[in-house]
Amino acid sequence: MYMQKPVTPTRRRAIAGVASVIVTAGVGSPARGFILSWAGRVAAGVAAGWLLEALKSWGLTPRSSAATIAAVENDHAEKVTVLRRGGYEVEPIYSGRSAAGDFMLSEATRDEEFLALGTTTHGTTCTVRLDKADAMNVGLVATALKQKGFAPHLIEGAGHPIHPAAGYEFVGSERYSPTYMTPAHGTIAWKSNVNNPRPNFVTAVRSRILNANLHFAQLHGGRWTFDMRPPVDLRNV
């Protein structure tokens, strides 16, 4: 099955220089192999576009704002402050209810660097930090499930990473995300081959909603192809 890449939010982000640095979700420095991979050439506007696709597929309205509980607001504000001190421009994307409870989402840019901060309370308050590649993957999963006919609350339930706020692991040429909990009490995790010249992901979704691996690859010209396969441990794919 094929998907078109999303429309980027602004022309400025889409055409800005792409000699960027991808940062990891943890607090450490990015691995050099990932900086030099396809992910380092992704424009911040493209990543932001996929993030908005995820929100819309989850049934949430981008740019909307509603009050959330103090724990979510305080935790989110602390993380935003840290990024602003580091020279990032931070823009709120969503605030209000979601399948994960109260949810605040912001995007941060510094030149062509991009981060998304998503704070939820689902038993515990946690802020997940996603970079360009992560935002693309979350958007791809949401779009794929939408095309398969899943309802918005099920798409978010299976595909919204809410905690832990953890880092990444590199094994050879493959970069592995943490195993995130999702609102449906399942998990989602993904990996990417950073030596592949084109964007690619294998994403393991485990829940009562969906139990499968989703394989994504970008074709020449920008379109994406994906298919669903029986669940297999990412280490064995």
Protein backbone atom coordinates (compact mmCIF):
# COMPACT_ATOMS: atom_id res chain seq x y z
CA MET A 1 0.00 0.00 0.00
CA TYR A 2 1.23 3.51 -0.80
CA MET A 3 1.03 6.79 1.08
CA GLN A 4 1.89 10.32 0.03
CA LYS A 5 4.14 12.32 2.30
CA PRO A 6 2.25 15.05 4.22
CA VAL A 7 2.20 18.70 3.27
CA THR A 8 4.80 20.56 5.29
CA PRO A 9 3.45 23.21 7.68
CA THR A 10 5.53 26.10 6.35
CA ARG A 11 7.58 26.77 3.26
CA ARG A 12 10.40 28.17 5.39
CA ARG A 13 10.91 24.89 7.17
CA ALA A 14 10.64 22.87 4.00
CA ILE A 15 13.30 24.79 2.08
CA ALA A 16 15.72 25.57 4.89
CA GLY A 17 19.14 23.93 4.78
CA VAL A 18 19.12 20.21 5.43
CA ALA A 19 22.66 19.65 6.70
CA SER A 20 21.12 19.08 10.10
CA VAL A 21 21.91 17.10 13.19
CA ILE A 22 19.45 14.53 14.47
CA VAL A 23 19.43 14.37 18.27
CA THR A 24 18.41 11.31 20.23
CA ALA A 25 15.51 11.15 22.64
CA GLY A 26 17.84 10.64 25.58
CA VAL A 27 20.08 13.20 27.22
CA GLY A 28 23.28 12.07 25.55
CA SER A 29 24.83 13.16 22.28
CA PRO A 30 23.61 11.68 18.99
CA ALA A 31 25.51 8.78 17.50
CA ARG A 32 27.60 9.89 14.52
CA GLY A 33 26.19 7.14 12.29
CA PHE A 34 22.69 8.55 12.69
CA ILE A 35 23.81 12.12 12.03
CA LEU A 36 25.23 11.04 8.69
CA SER A 37 22.25 8.87 7.73
CA TRP A 38 19.12 9.70 5.73
CA ALA A 39 17.59 11.16 8.91
CA GLY A 40 20.12 13.98 8.92
CA ARG A 41 18.79 15.13 5.56
CA VAL A 42 15.13 15.34 6.58
CA ALA A 43 13.81 18.90 6.77
CA ALA A 44 12.23 19.98 10.04
CA GLY A 45 9.05 20.91 8.16
CA VAL A 46 8.68 17.35 6.88
CA ALA A 47 8.92 15.95 10.40
CA ALA A 48 6.42 18.53 11.65
CA GLY A 49 4.06 17.55 8.85
CA TRP A 50 4.06 13.92 9.94
CA LEU A 51 3.44 14.98 13.54
CA LEU A 52 0.35 16.88 12.45
CA GLU A 53 -0.80 13.87 10.43
CA ALA A 54 -0.62 11.79 13.61
CA LEU A 55 -2.71 14.29 15.56
CA LYS A 56 -5.39 14.44 12.88
CA SER A 57 -5.48 10.65 12.54
CA TRP A 58 -5.94 10.41 16.31
CA GLY A 59 -9.02 12.62 16.01
CA LEU A 60 -7.34 15.60 17.70
CA THR A 61 -7.37 19.14 16.30
CA PRO A 62 -3.90 20.66 15.82
CA ARG A 63 -3.38 24.10 17.41
CA SER A 64 -6.34 23.63 19.75
CA SER A 65 -5.86 24.55 23.39
CA ALA A 66 -7.73 23.51 26.50
CA ALA A 67 -6.78 23.41 30.17
CA THR A 68 -4.98 20.34 31.49
CA ILE A 69 -4.15 19.25 35.01
CA ALA A 70 -1.30 20.97 36.83
CA ALA A 71 0.99 17.92 36.75
CA VAL A 72 0.93 17.83 32.95
CA GLU A 73 1.30 21.60 32.56
CA ASN A 74 4.17 21.82 35.05
CA ASP A 75 6.14 18.90 33.64
CA HIS A 76 5.68 20.16 30.09
CA ALA A 77 6.67 23.72 31.01
CA GLU A 78 9.88 22.50 32.64
CA LYS A 79 10.93 20.61 29.51
CA VAL A 80 10.04 23.57 27.28
CA THR A 81 12.14 25.90 29.45
CA VAL A 82 15.17 23.66 29.06
CA LEU A 83 14.86 23.68 25.28
CA ARG A 84 14.39 27.44 25.10
CA ARG A 85 17.53 27.91 27.16
CA GLY A 86 19.28 25.76 24.56
CA GLY A 87 18.28 28.11 21.76
CA TYR A 88 15.18 26.30 20.48
CA GLU A 89 12.04 28.04 19.33
CA VAL A 90 9.12 26.19 20.90
CA GLU A 91 5.56 26.26 19.58
CA PRO A 92 2.53 24.63 21.27
CA ILE A 93 0.71 22.19 18.98
CA TYR A 94 -2.04 20.73 21.19
CA SER A 95 -3.42 20.94 24.71
CA GLY A 96 -6.43 19.04 25.99
CA ARG A 97 -7.92 15.60 26.32
CA SER A 98 -6.75 12.50 24.46
CA ALA A 99 -6.90 8.72 24.67
CA ALA A 100 -3.93 9.00 27.04
CA GLY A 101 -5.69 11.44 29.35
CA ASP A 102 -4.60 15.07 29.50
CA PHE A 103 -2.07 15.72 26.74
CA MET A 104 0.20 18.62 25.82
CA LEU A 105 2.30 18.61 22.66
CA SER A 106 4.88 21.15 21.49
CA GLU A 107 7.39 21.23 18.68
CA ALA A 108 10.84 22.78 19.03
CA THR A 109 13.17 23.88 16.24
CA ARG A 110 16.71 25.21 16.15
CA ASP A 111 17.73 25.85 12.57
CA GLU A 112 16.90 22.45 11.02
CA GLU A 113 16.92 20.53 14.27
CA PHE A 114 13.49 19.34 15.37
CA LEU A 115 12.09 17.90 18.58
CA ALA A 116 8.56 17.14 19.73
CA LEU A 117 7.63 17.12 23.42
CA GLY A 118 4.53 15.14 24.36
CA THR A 119 3.37 15.16 27.99
CA THR A 120 0.60 12.91 29.28
CA THR A 121 -0.71 11.53 32.52
CA HIS A 122 -1.68 7.89 32.20
CA GLY A 123 -1.04 6.57 35.66
CA THR A 124 2.13 8.64 35.76
CA THR A 125 3.07 12.00 34.27
CA CYS A 126 5.75 11.70 31.61
CA THR A 127 7.17 13.78 28.78
CA VAL A 128 8.33 11.82 25.74
CA ARG A 129 10.86 13.55 23.49
CA LEU A 130 10.77 12.64 19.81
CA ASP A 131 13.14 13.72 17.05
CA LYS A 132 12.60 13.99 13.29
CA ALA A 133 12.71 10.29 12.56
CA ASP A 134 10.42 9.49 15.50
CA ALA A 135 7.86 12.07 14.40
CA MET A 136 7.88 10.60 10.91
CA ASN A 137 7.35 7.10 12.25
CA VAL A 138 4.48 8.11 14.55
CA GLY A 139 2.81 9.86 11.62
CA LEU A 140 3.36 6.93 9.29
CA VAL A 141 1.82 4.48 11.76
CA ALA A 142 -1.20 6.72 12.30
CA THR A 143 -1.71 7.23 8.56
CA ALA A 144 -1.34 3.52 7.85
CA LEU A 145 -3.94 2.55 10.46
CA LYS A 146 -6.29 5.25 9.17
CA GLN A 147 -6.00 3.81 5.66
CA LYS A 148 -6.73 0.37 7.10
CA GLY A 149 -10.03 1.70 8.49
CA PHE A 150 -9.27 1.97 12.21
CA ALA A 151 -11.27 4.55 14.18
CA PRO A 152 -9.34 7.56 15.50
CA HIS A 153 -9.43 6.53 19.18
CA LEU A 154 -8.08 3.10 18.22
CA ILE A 155 -5.33 4.63 16.10
CA GLU A 156 -4.17 6.72 19.04
CA GLY A 157 -4.70 3.86 21.47
CA ALA A 158 -2.32 1.65 19.50
CA GLY A 159 0.16 4.22 18.22
CA HIS A 160 0.68 7.07 20.70
CA PRO A 161 3.96 6.62 22.64
CA ILE A 162 3.39 7.98 26.15
CA HIS A 163 6.23 6.68 28.34
CA PRO A 164 9.00 6.06 29.36
CA ALA A 165 11.11 9.13 28.66
CA ALA A 166 14.06 6.98 27.65
CA GLY A 167 16.97 6.98 25.21
CA TYR A 168 17.95 4.92 22.20
CA GLU A 169 20.21 2.00 21.41
CA PHE A 170 22.36 1.40 18.36
CA VAL A 171 23.19 -2.13 17.24
CA GLY A 172 25.42 -2.04 14.20
CA SER A 173 23.64 0.01 11.55
CA GLU A 174 20.24 -0.21 13.29
CA ARG A 175 18.81 2.33 15.67
CA TYR A 176 16.23 1.05 18.18
CA SER A 177 13.69 3.17 20.01
CA PRO A 178 12.64 2.42 23.58
CA THR A 179 9.58 0.22 23.98
CA TYR A 180 6.90 2.79 24.74
CA MET A 181 3.61 2.16 26.50
CA THR A 182 0.52 3.23 24.55
CA PRO A 183 -2.92 4.38 25.80
CA ALA A 184 -4.46 0.97 25.08
CA HIS A 185 -2.03 -0.60 27.60
CA GLY A 186 0.00 -2.01 24.74
CA THR A 187 3.43 -1.08 23.44
CA ILE A 188 5.03 0.44 20.36
CA ALA A 189 8.70 0.34 19.34
CA TRP A 190 10.57 0.89 16.10
CA LYS A 191 13.91 0.53 14.45
CA SER A 192 15.59 2.02 11.39
CA ASN A 193 18.58 0.98 9.31
CA VAL A 194 20.70 4.13 9.23
CA ASN A 195 22.91 2.81 6.41
CA ASN A 196 19.96 2.59 4.05
CA PRO A 197 20.07 5.64 1.74
CA ARG A 198 16.28 6.09 1.99
CA PRO A 199 14.03 6.52 5.04
CA ASN A 200 12.81 3.23 6.49
CA PHE A 201 11.21 1.82 9.63
CA VAL A 202 10.01 -1.44 11.10
CA THR A 203 7.49 -0.74 13.84
CA ALA A 204 6.21 -3.31 16.33
CA VAL A 205 2.69 -2.56 17.61
CA ARG A 206 1.53 -4.81 20.41
CA SER A 207 -1.96 -4.38 21.87
CA ARG A 208 -5.47 -5.73 21.86
CA ILE A 209 -6.16 -3.31 19.01
CA LEU A 210 -3.36 -4.50 16.74
CA ASN A 211 -0.60 -7.07 17.08
CA ALA A 212 1.65 -6.74 14.05
CA ASN A 213 4.85 -5.35 12.58
CA LEU A 214 4.51 -2.46 10.14
CA HIS A 215 7.22 -2.12 7.49
CA PHE A 216 7.72 1.32 5.93
CA ALA A 217 10.02 2.40 3.11
CA GLN A 218 10.17 5.60 1.11
CA LEU A 219 10.24 5.15 -2.63
CA HIS A 220 11.96 7.27 -5.23
CA GLY A 221 9.87 10.40 -5.65
CA GLY A 222 8.79 10.64 -2.03
CA ARG A 223 5.88 8.20 -1.78
CA TRP A 224 5.86 5.67 1.05
CA THR A 225 4.99 2.00 0.90
CA PHE A 226 4.00 -0.12 3.87
CA ASP A 227 2.70 -3.53 4.77
CA MET A 228 1.61 -5.34 7.93
CA ARG A 229 3.22 -8.61 8.87
CA PRO A 230 2.82 -11.10 11.74
CA PRO A 231 4.51 -10.02 14.97
CA VAL A 232 8.22 -10.79 15.18
CA ASP A 233 10.78 -9.42 17.64
CA LEU A 234 12.49 -6.41 16.07
CA ARG A 235 15.87 -7.99 16.74
CA ASN A 236 14.94 -10.80 14.39
CA VAL A 237 13.61 -8.67 11.53
